[in-house]
Amino acid sequence: MPMPYYIYIVRTSEPGSNKPVSLVSEFDNFKQAKAEVRRLRSEIPLEDTLGYKIIFAEDTAEAEQKLSEFREQPIAKEWEK
């Protein structure tokens, strides 16, 4: 059985802190998850400190663990600016 894609609401404004997460839905493929996130972002906007995030994981425990890990912001290359 393939791993599902989960959509969560996460806190985006506090780097390095534990991000509270809230599960929104689960999908079997990325296309469906991406379409749902786009729909949610347009129809149900969140406050500035929250955002929708898609995560690929075996289960919700793994997804929430991945979401709580600190990740540095990627460095933008000159051609990406």
PDB file of N, CA and C in Angstrom:
ATOM      1  N   MET A   1       0.849  -1.198   0.000  1.00  0.00           N
ATOM      2  CA  MET A   1       0.000   0.000   0.000  1.00  0.00           C
ATOM      3  C   MET A   1       0.885   1.249   0.000  1.00  0.00           C
ATOM      4  N   PRO A   2       0.616   2.197  -0.908  1.00  0.00           N
ATOM      5  CA  PRO A   2       1.441   3.405  -0.969  1.00  0.00           C
ATOM      6  C   PRO A   2       1.219   4.308   0.238  1.00  0.00           C
ATOM      7  N   MET A   3       2.237   5.110   0.534  1.00  0.00           N
ATOM      8  CA  MET A   3       2.125   6.046   1.648  1.00  0.00           C
ATOM      9  C   MET A   3       1.217   7.204   1.240  1.00  0.00           C
ATOM     10  N   PRO A   4       0.409   7.677   2.175  1.00  0.00           N
ATOM     11  CA  PRO A   4      -0.506   8.777   1.858  1.00  0.00           C
ATOM     12  C   PRO A   4       0.152  10.151   1.985  1.00  0.00           C
ATOM     13  N   TYR A   5      -0.527  11.132   1.433  1.00  0.00           N
ATOM     14  CA  TYR A   5      -0.162  12.540   1.569  1.00  0.00           C
ATOM     15  C   TYR A   5      -1.136  13.158   2.563  1.00  0.00           C
ATOM     16  N   TYR A   6      -0.600  13.841   3.552  1.00  0.00           N
ATOM     17  CA  TYR A   6      -1.424  14.481   4.577  1.00  0.00           C
ATOM     18  C   TYR A   6      -1.366  15.991   4.383  1.00  0.00           C
ATOM     19  N   ILE A   7      -2.485  16.643   4.638  1.00  0.00           N
ATOM     20  CA  ILE A   7      -2.534  18.106   4.637  1.00  0.00           C
ATOM     21  C   ILE A   7      -2.711  18.550   6.085  1.00  0.00           C
ATOM     22  N   TYR A   8      -1.818  19.423   6.512  1.00  0.00           N
ATOM     23  CA  TYR A   8      -1.850  19.952   7.873  1.00  0.00           C
ATOM     24  C   TYR A   8      -1.926  21.470   7.844  1.00  0.00           C
ATOM     25  N   ILE A   9      -2.424  22.032   8.926  1.00  0.00           N
ATOM     26  CA  ILE A   9      -2.295  23.467   9.188  1.00  0.00           C
ATOM     27  C   ILE A   9      -1.146  23.579  10.175  1.00  0.00           C
ATOM     28  N   VAL A  10      -0.131  24.385   9.836  1.00  0.00           N
ATOM     29  CA  VAL A  10       1.036  24.544  10.704  1.00  0.00           C
ATOM     30  C   VAL A  10       1.287  26.008  10.996  1.00  0.00           C
ATOM     31  N   ARG A  11       1.941  26.262  12.124  1.00  0.00           N
ATOM     32  CA  ARG A  11       2.355  27.619  12.482  1.00  0.00           C
ATOM     33  C   ARG A  11       3.636  27.899  11.725  1.00  0.00           C
ATOM     34  N   THR A  12       3.694  29.022  11.019  1.00  0.00           N
ATOM     35  CA  THR A  12       4.829  29.313  10.144  1.00  0.00           C
ATOM     36  C   THR A  12       5.759  30.400  10.655  1.00  0.00           C
ATOM     37  N   SER A  13       5.377  31.131  11.684  1.00  0.00           N
ATOM     38  CA  SER A  13       6.130  32.337  12.053  1.00  0.00           C
ATOM     39  C   SER A  13       7.157  32.150  13.153  1.00  0.00           C
ATOM     40  N   GLU A  14       7.268  30.968  13.745  1.00  0.00           N
ATOM     41  CA  GLU A  14       8.174  30.797  14.869  1.00  0.00           C
ATOM     42  C   GLU A  14       9.258  29.777  14.549  1.00  0.00           C
ATOM     43  N   PRO A  15      10.368  30.225  13.936  1.00  0.00           N
ATOM     44  CA  PRO A  15      11.420  29.278  13.584  1.00  0.00           C
ATOM     45  C   PRO A  15      12.049  28.661  14.822  1.00  0.00           C
ATOM     46  N   GLY A  16      12.285  27.363  14.762  1.00  0.00           N
ATOM     47  CA  GLY A  16      12.940  26.664  15.853  1.00  0.00           C
ATOM     48  C   GLY A  16      12.027  26.253  16.988  1.00  0.00           C
ATOM     49  N   SER A  17      10.807  26.685  16.997  1.00  0.00           N
ATOM     50  CA  SER A  17       9.900  26.292  18.069  1.00  0.00           C
ATOM     51  C   SER A  17       9.071  25.094  17.612  1.00  0.00           C
ATOM     52  N   ASN A  18       8.458  24.421  18.553  1.00  0.00           N
ATOM     53  CA  ASN A  18       7.575  23.321  18.184  1.00  0.00           C
ATOM     54  C   ASN A  18       6.382  23.898  17.438  1.00  0.00           C
ATOM     55  N   LYS A  19       6.152  23.382  16.270  1.00  0.00           N
ATOM     56  CA  LYS A  19       5.049  23.877  15.464  1.00  0.00           C
ATOM     57  C   LYS A  19       3.788  23.105  15.815  1.00  0.00           C
ATOM     58  N   PRO A  20       2.785  23.777  16.366  1.00  0.00           N
ATOM     59  CA  PRO A  20       1.524  23.060  16.553  1.00  0.00           C
ATOM     60  C   PRO A  20       0.934  22.731  15.191  1.00  0.00           C
ATOM     61  N   VAL A  21       0.447  21.516  15.061  1.00  0.00           N
ATOM     62  CA  VAL A  21      -0.104  21.087  13.783  1.00  0.00           C
ATOM     63  C   VAL A  21      -1.521  20.584  13.972  1.00  0.00           C
ATOM     64  N   SER A  22      -2.291  20.681  12.904  1.00  0.00           N
ATOM     65  CA  SER A  22      -3.663  20.206  12.927  1.00  0.00           C
ATOM     66  C   SER A  22      -3.940  19.505  11.601  1.00  0.00           C
ATOM     67  N   LEU A  23      -4.279  18.219  11.656  1.00  0.00           N
ATOM     68  CA  LEU A  23      -4.555  17.446  10.452  1.00  0.00           C
ATOM     69  C   LEU A  23      -5.850  17.933   9.804  1.00  0.00           C
ATOM     70  N   VAL A  24      -5.788  18.156   8.491  1.00  0.00           N
ATOM     71  CA  VAL A  24      -6.952  18.599   7.732  1.00  0.00           C
ATOM     72  C   VAL A  24      -7.540  17.428   6.949  1.00  0.00           C
ATOM     73  N   SER A  25      -6.687  16.743   6.169  1.00  0.00           N
ATOM     74  CA  SER A  25      -7.172  15.624   5.357  1.00  0.00           C
ATOM     75  C   SER A  25      -6.023  14.742   4.895  1.00  0.00           C
ATOM     76  N   GLU A  26      -6.381  13.645   4.220  1.00  0.00           N
ATOM     77  CA  GLU A  26      -5.414  12.649   3.747  1.00  0.00           C
ATOM     78  C   GLU A  26      -5.793  12.243   2.324  1.00  0.00           C
ATOM     79  N   PHE A  27      -4.772  12.084   1.462  1.00  0.00           N
ATOM     80  CA  PHE A  27      -5.005  11.705   0.069  1.00  0.00           C
ATOM     81  C   PHE A  27      -4.037  10.621  -0.351  1.00  0.00           C
ATOM     82  N   ASP A  28      -4.453   9.831  -1.352  1.00  0.00           N
ATOM     83  CA  ASP A  28      -3.615   8.747  -1.857  1.00  0.00           C
ATOM     84  C   ASP A  28      -2.612   9.202  -2.893  1.00  0.00           C
ATOM     85  N   ASN A  29      -2.860  10.348  -3.538  1.00  0.00           N
ATOM     86  CA  ASN A  29      -1.872  10.813  -4.510  1.00  0.00           C
ATOM     87  C   ASN A  29      -1.656  12.317  -4.399  1.00  0.00           C
ATOM     88  N   PHE A  30      -0.489  12.741  -4.877  1.00  0.00           N
ATOM     89  CA  PHE A  30      -0.070  14.126  -4.726  1.00  0.00           C
ATOM     90  C   PHE A  30      -0.968  15.094  -5.488  1.00  0.00           C
ATOM     91  N   LYS A  31      -1.399  14.707  -6.679  1.00  0.00           N
ATOM     92  CA  LYS A  31      -2.248  15.604  -7.483  1.00  0.00           C
ATOM     93  C   LYS A  31      -3.503  16.012  -6.723  1.00  0.00           C
ATOM     94  N   GLN A  32      -4.147  15.042  -6.082  1.00  0.00           N
ATOM     95  CA  GLN A  32      -5.359  15.341  -5.308  1.00  0.00           C
ATOM     96  C   GLN A  32      -5.030  16.234  -4.117  1.00  0.00           C
ATOM     97  N   ALA A  33      -3.942  15.924  -3.417  1.00  0.00           N
ATOM     98  CA  ALA A  33      -3.548  16.726  -2.252  1.00  0.00           C
ATOM     99  C   ALA A  33      -3.223  18.160  -2.666  1.00  0.00           C
ATOM    100  N   LYS A  34      -2.493  18.317  -3.756  1.00  0.00           N
ATOM    101  CA  LYS A  34      -2.119  19.648  -4.241  1.00  0.00           C
ATOM    102  C   LYS A  34      -3.360  20.457  -4.636  1.00  0.00           C
ATOM    103  N   ALA A  35      -4.297  19.811  -5.321  1.00  0.00           N
ATOM    104  CA  ALA A  35      -5.531  20.500  -5.715  1.00  0.00           C
ATOM    105  C   ALA A  35      -6.327  20.937  -4.487  1.00  0.00           C
ATOM    106  N   GLU A  36      -6.368  20.081  -3.475  1.00  0.00           N
ATOM    107  CA  GLU A  36      -7.107  20.425  -2.249  1.00  0.00           C
ATOM    108  C   GLU A  36      -6.446  21.576  -1.507  1.00  0.00           C
ATOM    109  N   VAL A  37      -5.125  21.593  -1.428  1.00  0.00           N
ATOM    110  CA  VAL A  37      -4.425  22.698  -0.761  1.00  0.00           C
ATOM    111  C   VAL A  37      -4.675  24.006  -1.500  1.00  0.00           C
ATOM    112  N   ARG A  38      -4.641  23.970  -2.806  1.00  0.00           N
ATOM    113  CA  ARG A  38      -4.938  25.187  -3.574  1.00  0.00           C
ATOM    114  C   ARG A  38      -6.356  25.674  -3.310  1.00  0.00           C
ATOM    115  N   ARG A  39      -7.301  24.738  -3.265  1.00  0.00           N
ATOM    116  CA  ARG A  39      -8.690  25.103  -2.983  1.00  0.00           C
ATOM    117  C   ARG A  39      -8.807  25.707  -1.584  1.00  0.00           C
ATOM    118  N   LEU A  40      -8.180  25.062  -0.596  1.00  0.00           N
ATOM    119  CA  LEU A  40      -8.241  25.566   0.773  1.00  0.00           C
ATOM    120  C   LEU A  40      -7.626  26.955   0.883  1.00  0.00           C
ATOM    121  N   ARG A  41      -6.487  27.158   0.250  1.00  0.00           N
ATOM    122  CA  ARG A  41      -5.820  28.465   0.319  1.00  0.00           C
ATOM    123  C   ARG A  41      -6.669  29.570  -0.296  1.00  0.00           C
ATOM    124  N   SER A  42      -7.421  29.244  -1.340  1.00  0.00           N
ATOM    125  CA  SER A  42      -8.248  30.275  -1.970  1.00  0.00           C
ATOM    126  C   SER A  42      -9.587  30.466  -1.260  1.00  0.00           C
ATOM    127  N   GLU A  43     -10.178  29.384  -0.764  1.00  0.00           N
ATOM    128  CA  GLU A  43     -11.517  29.482  -0.159  1.00  0.00           C
ATOM    129  C   GLU A  43     -11.498  29.684   1.353  1.00  0.00           C
ATOM    130  N   ILE A  44     -10.480  29.176   2.034  1.00  0.00           N
ATOM    131  CA  ILE A  44     -10.409  29.287   3.490  1.00  0.00           C
ATOM    132  C   ILE A  44      -9.029  29.815   3.888  1.00  0.00           C
ATOM    133  N   PRO A  45      -8.766  31.103   3.654  1.00  0.00           N
ATOM    134  CA  PRO A  45      -7.462  31.653   4.009  1.00  0.00           C
ATOM    135  C   PRO A  45      -7.250  31.623   5.526  1.00  0.00           C
ATOM    136  N   LEU A  46      -5.995  31.458   5.916  1.00  0.00           N
ATOM    137  CA  LEU A  46      -5.635  31.405   7.332  1.00  0.00           C
ATOM    138  C   LEU A  46      -4.976  32.709   7.744  1.00  0.00           C
ATOM    139  N   GLU A  47      -4.853  32.921   9.051  1.00  0.00           N
ATOM    140  CA  GLU A  47      -4.148  34.104   9.528  1.00  0.00           C
ATOM    141  C   GLU A  47      -2.679  34.023   9.115  1.00  0.00           C
ATOM    142  N   ASP A  48      -1.967  35.140   9.207  1.00  0.00           N
ATOM    143  CA  ASP A  48      -0.598  35.238   8.698  1.00  0.00           C
ATOM    144  C   ASP A  48       0.377  34.235   9.300  1.00  0.00           C
ATOM    145  N   THR A  49       0.168  33.821  10.539  1.00  0.00           N
ATOM    146  CA  THR A  49       1.116  32.930  11.201  1.00  0.00           C
ATOM    147  C   THR A  49       0.833  31.451  10.961  1.00  0.00           C
ATOM    148  N   LEU A  50      -0.205  31.148  10.183  1.00  0.00           N
ATOM    149  CA  LEU A  50      -0.554  29.755   9.899  1.00  0.00           C
ATOM    150  C   LEU A  50      -0.495  29.498   8.393  1.00  0.00           C
ATOM    151  N   GLY A  51      -0.288  28.232   8.031  1.00  0.00           N
ATOM    152  CA  GLY A  51      -0.267  27.882   6.620  1.00  0.00           C
ATOM    153  C   GLY A  51      -0.622  26.425   6.411  1.00  0.00           C
ATOM    154  N   TYR A  52      -1.021  26.098   5.192  1.00  0.00           N
ATOM    155  CA  TYR A  52      -1.308  24.712   4.825  1.00  0.00           C
ATOM    156  C   TYR A  52      -0.017  24.062   4.335  1.00  0.00           C
ATOM    157  N   LYS A  53       0.188  22.816   4.683  1.00  0.00           N
ATOM    158  CA  LYS A  53       1.384  22.096   4.277  1.00  0.00           C
ATOM    159  C   LYS A  53       1.025  20.666   3.911  1.00  0.00           C
ATOM    160  N   ILE A  54       1.602  20.163   2.807  1.00  0.00           N
ATOM    161  CA  ILE A  54       1.438  18.764   2.402  1.00  0.00           C
ATOM    162  C   ILE A  54       2.667  18.004   2.863  1.00  0.00           C
ATOM    163  N   ILE A  55       2.454  16.843   3.459  1.00  0.00           N
ATOM    164  CA  ILE A  55       3.571  16.007   3.914  1.00  0.00           C
ATOM    165  C   ILE A  55       3.309  14.566   3.504  1.00  0.00           C
ATOM    166  N   PHE A  56       4.357  13.888   3.055  1.00  0.00           N
ATOM    167  CA  PHE A  56       4.298  12.500   2.606  1.00  0.00           C
ATOM    168  C   PHE A  56       4.888  11.641   3.718  1.00  0.00           C
ATOM    169  N   ALA A  57       4.084  10.726   4.284  1.00  0.00           N
ATOM    170  CA  ALA A  57       4.555   9.906   5.403  1.00  0.00           C
ATOM    171  C   ALA A  57       3.752   8.617   5.503  1.00  0.00           C
ATOM    172  N   GLU A  58       4.300   7.660   6.257  1.00  0.00           N
ATOM    173  CA  GLU A  58       3.609   6.379   6.440  1.00  0.00           C
ATOM    174  C   GLU A  58       2.339   6.518   7.264  1.00  0.00           C
ATOM    175  N   ASP A  59       2.374   7.409   8.276  1.00  0.00           N
ATOM    176  CA  ASP A  59       1.214   7.607   9.139  1.00  0.00           C
ATOM    177  C   ASP A  59       1.249   9.009   9.727  1.00  0.00           C
ATOM    178  N   THR A  60       0.222   9.348  10.482  1.00  0.00           N
ATOM    179  CA  THR A  60       0.145  10.706  11.033  1.00  0.00           C
ATOM    180  C   THR A  60       1.246  10.977  12.050  1.00  0.00           C
ATOM    181  N   ALA A  61       1.662   9.958  12.800  1.00  0.00           N
ATOM    182  CA  ALA A  61       2.736  10.156  13.781  1.00  0.00           C
ATOM    183  C   ALA A  61       4.031  10.560  13.083  1.00  0.00           C
ATOM    184  N   GLU A  62       4.373   9.874  11.996  1.00  0.00           N
ATOM    185  CA  GLU A  62       5.582  10.220  11.250  1.00  0.00           C
ATOM    186  C   GLU A  62       5.438  11.599  10.605  1.00  0.00           C
ATOM    187  N   ALA A  63       4.265  11.902  10.077  1.00  0.00           N
ATOM    188  CA  ALA A  63       4.031  13.203   9.450  1.00  0.00           C
ATOM    189  C   ALA A  63       4.217  14.328  10.458  1.00  0.00           C
ATOM    190  N   GLU A  64       3.649  14.178  11.638  1.00  0.00           N
ATOM    191  CA  GLU A  64       3.758  15.221  12.656  1.00  0.00           C
ATOM    192  C   GLU A  64       5.184  15.353  13.169  1.00  0.00           C
ATOM    193  N   GLN A  65       5.911  14.244  13.243  1.00  0.00           N
ATOM    194  CA  GLN A  65       7.311  14.288  13.665  1.00  0.00           C
ATOM    195  C   GLN A  65       8.136  15.050  12.625  1.00  0.00           C
ATOM    196  N   LYS A  66       7.901  14.771  11.342  1.00  0.00           N
ATOM    197  CA  LYS A  66       8.618  15.486  10.276  1.00  0.00           C
ATOM    198  C   LYS A  66       8.293  16.978  10.296  1.00  0.00           C
ATOM    199  N   LEU A  67       7.036  17.308  10.523  1.00  0.00           N
ATOM    200  CA  LEU A  67       6.637  18.716  10.549  1.00  0.00           C
ATOM    201  C   LEU A  67       7.245  19.469  11.725  1.00  0.00           C
ATOM    202  N   SER A  68       7.544  18.772  12.811  1.00  0.00           N
ATOM    203  CA  SER A  68       8.085  19.448  13.989  1.00  0.00           C
ATOM    204  C   SER A  68       9.601  19.623  13.931  1.00  0.00           C
ATOM    205  N   GLU A  69      10.275  18.984  12.956  1.00  0.00           N
ATOM    206  CA  GLU A  69      11.722  19.123  12.825  1.00  0.00           C
ATOM    207  C   GLU A  69      12.071  20.522  12.336  1.00  0.00           C
ATOM    208  N   PHE A  70      13.168  21.053  12.871  1.00  0.00           N
ATOM    209  CA  PHE A  70      13.637  22.374  12.426  1.00  0.00           C
ATOM    210  C   PHE A  70      14.315  22.233  11.076  1.00  0.00           C
ATOM    211  N   ARG A  71      13.912  23.051  10.126  1.00  0.00           N
ATOM    212  CA  ARG A  71      14.537  23.056   8.806  1.00  0.00           C
ATOM    213  C   ARG A  71      14.950  24.477   8.485  1.00  0.00           C
ATOM    214  N   GLU A  72      16.210  24.639   8.117  1.00  0.00           N
ATOM    215  CA  GLU A  72      16.692  25.962   7.738  1.00  0.00           C
ATOM    216  C   GLU A  72      16.049  26.382   6.427  1.00  0.00           C
ATOM    217  N   GLN A  73      15.902  27.669   6.256  1.00  0.00           N
ATOM    218  CA  GLN A  73      15.365  28.196   5.007  1.00  0.00           C
ATOM    219  C   GLN A  73      16.367  27.904   3.899  1.00  0.00           C
ATOM    220  N   PRO A  74      15.913  27.475   2.734  1.00  0.00           N
ATOM    221  CA  PRO A  74      16.847  27.240   1.634  1.00  0.00           C
ATOM    222  C   PRO A  74      17.478  28.546   1.170  1.00  0.00           C
ATOM    223  N   ILE A  75      18.700  28.454   0.727  1.00  0.00           N
ATOM    224  CA  ILE A  75      19.399  29.632   0.216  1.00  0.00           C
ATOM    225  C   ILE A  75      19.009  29.803  -1.245  1.00  0.00           C
ATOM    226  N   ALA A  76      18.485  30.967  -1.566  1.00  0.00           N
ATOM    227  CA  ALA A  76      18.057  31.239  -2.943  1.00  0.00           C
ATOM    228  C   ALA A  76      19.283  31.487  -3.807  1.00  0.00           C
ATOM    229  N   LYS A  77      19.360  30.794  -4.896  1.00  0.00           N
ATOM    230  CA  LYS A  77      20.451  31.004  -5.862  1.00  0.00           C
ATOM    231  C   LYS A  77      20.159  32.275  -6.641  1.00  0.00           C
ATOM    232  N   GLU A  78      21.185  32.846  -7.226  1.00  0.00           N
ATOM    233  CA  GLU A  78      21.028  34.103  -7.945  1.00  0.00           C
ATOM    234  C   GLU A  78      19.963  34.035  -9.016  1.00  0.00           C
ATOM    235  N   TRP A  79      19.886  32.918  -9.748  1.00  0.00           N
ATOM    236  CA  TRP A  79      18.913  32.790 -10.834  1.00  0.00           C
ATOM    237  C   TRP A  79      17.490  32.525 -10.322  1.00  0.00           C
ATOM    238  N   GLU A  80      17.325  32.243  -9.018  1.00  0.00           N
ATOM    239  CA  GLU A  80      16.010  32.008  -8.442  1.00  0.00           C
ATOM    240  C   GLU A  80      15.360  33.272  -7.894  1.00  0.00           C
ATOM    241  N   LYS A  81      16.123  34.341  -7.821  1.00  0.00           N
ATOM    242  CA  LYS A  81      15.612  35.584  -7.230  1.00  0.00           C
ATOM    243  C   LYS A  81      14.727  36.324  -8.192  1.00  0.00           C
TER     244      LYS A  81
END
